[in-house]
N, C-alpha and C. Protein backbone atom coordinates (compact mmCIF):
# COMPACT_ATOMS: atom_id res chain seq x y z
N MET A 1 -75.51 -41.17 45.71
CA MET A 1 -76.69 -41.90 45.43
C MET A 1 -77.94 -41.35 46.29
N THR A 2 -79.08 -41.19 45.80
CA THR A 2 -80.18 -40.76 46.57
C THR A 2 -80.48 -41.94 47.44
N GLU A 3 -80.89 -41.67 48.72
CA GLU A 3 -81.24 -42.60 49.79
C GLU A 3 -82.63 -43.29 49.25
N ILE A 4 -82.74 -44.52 49.22
CA ILE A 4 -83.98 -45.20 48.94
C ILE A 4 -84.55 -45.94 50.28
N ASN A 5 -85.62 -45.53 50.42
CA ASN A 5 -86.34 -46.25 51.61
C ASN A 5 -86.90 -47.65 51.17
N ARG A 6 -86.13 -48.67 51.63
CA ARG A 6 -86.50 -50.07 51.03
C ARG A 6 -87.87 -50.56 51.38
N PHE A 7 -88.20 -50.30 52.72
CA PHE A 7 -89.53 -50.61 53.27
C PHE A 7 -90.68 -50.02 52.37
N LYS A 8 -90.62 -48.73 52.20
CA LYS A 8 -91.54 -48.16 51.38
C LYS A 8 -91.66 -48.46 49.99
N LEU A 9 -90.46 -48.74 49.39
CA LEU A 9 -90.24 -49.33 48.10
C LEU A 9 -90.96 -50.55 47.82
N GLU A 10 -90.58 -51.46 48.79
CA GLU A 10 -91.30 -52.82 48.64
C GLU A 10 -92.70 -52.71 49.00
N TRP A 11 -93.21 -51.84 49.67
CA TRP A 11 -94.70 -51.75 49.81
C TRP A 11 -95.32 -51.16 48.54
N GLU A 12 -94.70 -50.22 48.04
CA GLU A 12 -95.23 -49.60 46.52
C GLU A 12 -95.17 -50.73 45.55
N CYS A 13 -94.30 -51.74 45.58
CA CYS A 13 -94.30 -52.74 44.51
C CYS A 13 -95.70 -53.57 44.67
N ARG A 14 -96.24 -53.62 45.79
CA ARG A 14 -97.53 -54.31 45.82
C ARG A 14 -98.67 -53.40 45.11
N ARG A 15 -98.97 -53.97 44.03
CA ARG A 15 -100.09 -53.35 43.20
C ARG A 15 -101.45 -53.94 43.31
N GLY A 16 -102.39 -53.11 42.66
CA GLY A 16 -103.79 -53.67 42.65
C GLY A 16 -104.24 -54.65 41.76
N MET A 17 -103.18 -54.85 40.75
CA MET A 17 -103.54 -55.70 39.71
C MET A 17 -102.57 -56.91 39.67
N ARG A 18 -103.11 -58.20 39.61
CA ARG A 18 -102.40 -59.33 39.69
C ARG A 18 -101.31 -59.46 38.63
N GLU A 19 -101.57 -58.98 37.36
CA GLU A 19 -100.61 -59.11 36.30
C GLU A 19 -99.27 -58.11 36.64
N LEU A 20 -99.40 -57.15 37.39
CA LEU A 20 -98.45 -56.15 37.83
C LEU A 20 -97.65 -56.90 38.92
N ASP A 21 -98.37 -57.39 39.89
CA ASP A 21 -97.84 -57.97 41.11
C ASP A 21 -96.92 -59.09 40.67
N LYS A 22 -97.24 -59.85 39.64
CA LYS A 22 -96.47 -61.02 39.15
C LYS A 22 -95.18 -60.54 38.44
N MET A 23 -95.11 -59.24 38.04
CA MET A 23 -93.98 -58.76 37.35
C MET A 23 -93.12 -57.94 38.27
N ILE A 24 -93.76 -56.94 38.96
CA ILE A 24 -92.94 -55.93 39.60
C ILE A 24 -92.24 -56.51 40.99
N MET A 25 -92.96 -57.10 41.75
CA MET A 25 -92.40 -57.61 42.93
C MET A 25 -91.27 -58.70 42.75
N PRO A 26 -91.42 -59.70 42.02
CA PRO A 26 -90.21 -60.44 41.64
C PRO A 26 -89.19 -59.88 41.12
N PHE A 27 -89.24 -58.80 40.17
CA PHE A 27 -88.25 -58.11 39.63
C PHE A 27 -87.62 -57.14 40.68
N TYR A 28 -88.28 -56.75 41.67
CA TYR A 28 -87.67 -55.96 42.72
C TYR A 28 -86.73 -56.94 43.54
N LYS A 29 -87.50 -57.95 44.01
CA LYS A 29 -86.64 -58.87 44.97
C LYS A 29 -85.49 -59.55 44.26
N ASN A 30 -85.49 -59.80 42.89
CA ASN A 30 -84.46 -60.56 42.30
C ASN A 30 -83.39 -59.76 41.51
N HIS A 31 -83.80 -58.42 41.18
CA HIS A 31 -82.90 -57.69 40.23
C HIS A 31 -82.61 -56.38 40.71
N PHE A 32 -83.29 -55.74 41.57
CA PHE A 32 -83.18 -54.44 41.89
C PHE A 32 -81.86 -53.96 42.38
N ASP A 33 -81.18 -54.85 43.16
CA ASP A 33 -79.75 -54.41 43.66
C ASP A 33 -78.73 -54.58 42.61
N ASP A 34 -79.07 -55.27 41.48
CA ASP A 34 -78.10 -55.14 40.31
C ASP A 34 -78.29 -54.11 39.28
N LEU A 35 -79.33 -53.28 39.68
CA LEU A 35 -79.57 -52.09 38.67
C LEU A 35 -78.52 -51.07 38.92
N SER A 36 -78.24 -50.23 37.97
CA SER A 36 -77.43 -49.08 38.19
C SER A 36 -78.45 -48.00 38.84
N GLU A 37 -77.78 -46.94 39.38
CA GLU A 37 -78.39 -46.01 40.17
C GLU A 37 -79.38 -45.30 39.20
N ILE A 38 -79.21 -45.13 38.07
CA ILE A 38 -80.34 -44.42 37.13
C ILE A 38 -81.36 -45.41 36.97
N GLN A 39 -81.06 -46.64 36.74
CA GLN A 39 -82.27 -47.75 36.57
C GLN A 39 -83.05 -47.63 37.89
N GLN A 40 -82.30 -47.73 39.11
CA GLN A 40 -83.17 -47.74 40.41
C GLN A 40 -83.92 -46.51 40.49
N GLN A 41 -83.35 -45.35 40.08
CA GLN A 41 -84.26 -44.14 40.24
C GLN A 41 -85.58 -44.14 39.31
N ALA A 42 -85.25 -44.90 38.12
CA ALA A 42 -86.42 -44.99 37.06
C ALA A 42 -87.46 -45.99 37.66
N PHE A 43 -87.02 -47.01 38.48
CA PHE A 43 -87.95 -48.06 39.05
C PHE A 43 -88.74 -47.26 40.05
N VAL A 44 -88.12 -46.40 40.93
CA VAL A 44 -88.80 -45.65 41.92
C VAL A 44 -89.78 -44.72 41.34
N GLN A 45 -89.43 -43.97 40.26
CA GLN A 45 -90.36 -43.21 39.53
C GLN A 45 -91.52 -43.84 38.84
N MET A 46 -91.26 -45.06 38.30
CA MET A 46 -92.33 -45.84 37.61
C MET A 46 -93.35 -46.27 38.67
N LEU A 47 -93.01 -46.44 39.93
CA LEU A 47 -93.90 -46.85 40.91
C LEU A 47 -94.85 -45.76 41.35
N SER A 48 -94.54 -44.46 40.92
CA SER A 48 -95.46 -43.37 41.35
C SER A 48 -96.72 -43.27 40.42
N TYR A 49 -96.52 -43.97 39.26
CA TYR A 49 -97.63 -44.00 38.37
C TYR A 49 -98.93 -44.97 38.64
N THR A 50 -100.07 -44.87 38.32
CA THR A 50 -101.25 -45.64 38.45
C THR A 50 -101.06 -47.10 37.88
N ASP A 51 -101.77 -47.94 38.38
CA ASP A 51 -101.82 -49.27 37.81
C ASP A 51 -102.33 -49.33 36.43
N PRO A 52 -103.38 -48.72 36.06
CA PRO A 52 -103.65 -48.65 34.62
C PRO A 52 -102.57 -48.16 33.65
N GLU A 53 -101.84 -47.17 34.06
CA GLU A 53 -100.78 -46.66 33.37
C GLU A 53 -99.65 -47.73 33.20
N LEU A 54 -99.28 -48.29 34.32
CA LEU A 54 -98.24 -49.30 34.32
C LEU A 54 -98.65 -50.48 33.38
N PHE A 55 -99.92 -50.78 33.59
CA PHE A 55 -100.37 -52.09 32.78
C PHE A 55 -100.26 -51.79 31.33
N ARG A 56 -100.64 -50.61 30.98
CA ARG A 56 -100.54 -50.36 29.38
C ARG A 56 -99.18 -50.26 28.91
N TRP A 57 -98.17 -49.76 29.80
CA TRP A 57 -96.78 -49.83 29.30
C TRP A 57 -96.25 -51.24 29.31
N VAL A 58 -96.60 -52.04 30.35
CA VAL A 58 -96.05 -53.27 30.43
C VAL A 58 -96.53 -54.13 29.30
N MET A 59 -97.81 -53.92 28.89
CA MET A 59 -98.42 -54.68 27.82
C MET A 59 -98.19 -54.09 26.45
N LEU A 60 -97.26 -52.94 26.37
CA LEU A 60 -96.82 -52.34 25.14
C LEU A 60 -98.12 -51.76 24.43
N GLN A 61 -98.98 -51.26 25.16
CA GLN A 61 -100.23 -50.63 24.55
C GLN A 61 -99.93 -49.26 24.30
N GLU A 62 -99.04 -48.56 25.22
CA GLU A 62 -98.62 -47.18 25.25
C GLU A 62 -97.17 -47.15 25.44
N LYS A 63 -96.67 -45.94 25.19
CA LYS A 63 -95.26 -45.75 25.54
C LYS A 63 -94.98 -45.21 26.82
N ALA A 64 -94.13 -45.44 27.55
CA ALA A 64 -93.85 -44.98 28.87
C ALA A 64 -93.49 -43.40 28.82
N PRO A 65 -93.59 -42.66 29.83
CA PRO A 65 -93.37 -41.27 29.66
C PRO A 65 -91.99 -40.82 29.41
N ASN A 66 -90.98 -41.61 29.67
CA ASN A 66 -89.68 -41.37 29.30
C ASN A 66 -88.86 -42.62 28.97
N GLN A 67 -87.64 -42.31 28.40
CA GLN A 67 -86.80 -43.48 27.82
C GLN A 67 -86.30 -44.39 29.01
N ALA A 68 -85.92 -43.82 30.25
CA ALA A 68 -85.37 -44.65 31.19
C ALA A 68 -86.61 -45.60 31.82
N ILE A 69 -87.69 -45.22 31.94
CA ILE A 69 -88.83 -46.09 32.33
C ILE A 69 -89.07 -47.12 31.31
N SER A 70 -89.09 -46.70 30.00
CA SER A 70 -89.34 -47.57 29.00
C SER A 70 -88.15 -48.57 28.83
N ASP A 71 -87.03 -48.33 29.10
CA ASP A 71 -85.99 -49.14 29.15
C ASP A 71 -85.98 -50.16 30.22
N LEU A 72 -86.52 -49.79 31.34
CA LEU A 72 -86.64 -50.65 32.62
C LEU A 72 -87.79 -51.61 32.28
N ILE A 73 -88.84 -51.06 31.80
CA ILE A 73 -90.00 -52.04 31.39
C ILE A 73 -89.54 -53.14 30.46
N GLU A 74 -88.70 -52.81 29.66
CA GLU A 74 -88.19 -53.77 28.52
C GLU A 74 -87.39 -54.70 29.33
N LEU A 75 -86.47 -54.17 30.18
CA LEU A 75 -85.71 -55.21 31.01
C LEU A 75 -86.53 -56.11 31.91
N MET A 76 -87.51 -55.64 32.53
CA MET A 76 -88.55 -56.33 33.29
C MET A 76 -89.15 -57.40 32.57
N ARG A 77 -89.60 -57.03 31.33
CA ARG A 77 -90.27 -58.07 30.56
C ARG A 77 -89.44 -59.16 30.15
N SER A 78 -88.07 -58.86 29.97
CA SER A 78 -87.06 -59.93 29.60
C SER A 78 -86.76 -60.90 30.71
N LYS A 79 -87.01 -60.35 31.93
CA LYS A 79 -86.60 -61.19 33.16
C LYS A 79 -87.78 -62.08 33.51
N ILE A 80 -88.98 -61.75 32.98
CA ILE A 80 -90.23 -62.70 33.42
C ILE A 80 -89.78 -64.21 33.17
N GLU A 81 -89.94 -64.82 34.26
CA GLU A 81 -89.81 -66.36 34.13
C GLU A 81 -91.01 -66.89 33.27
N ARG A 82 -90.75 -67.66 32.34
CA ARG A 82 -91.83 -68.08 31.41
C ARG A 82 -92.03 -69.63 31.46
């Protein structure tokens, strides 16, 4: 497994958009450790994109750049506490 810097990852979960903050950080804290290695790598990769890109994917306005990120976003959306 590729080593993941948890401090850096948590910092990158803090986004500039409130809508993303309410989804990404809670998902990271509550579910990241339960993800498969492939899902964890997709999460890390997802965080390298800009807030506007993430927002469009999360709001289903555009498709994510690959299936792994798309599947992860679907999982994140399913875990949102309503």
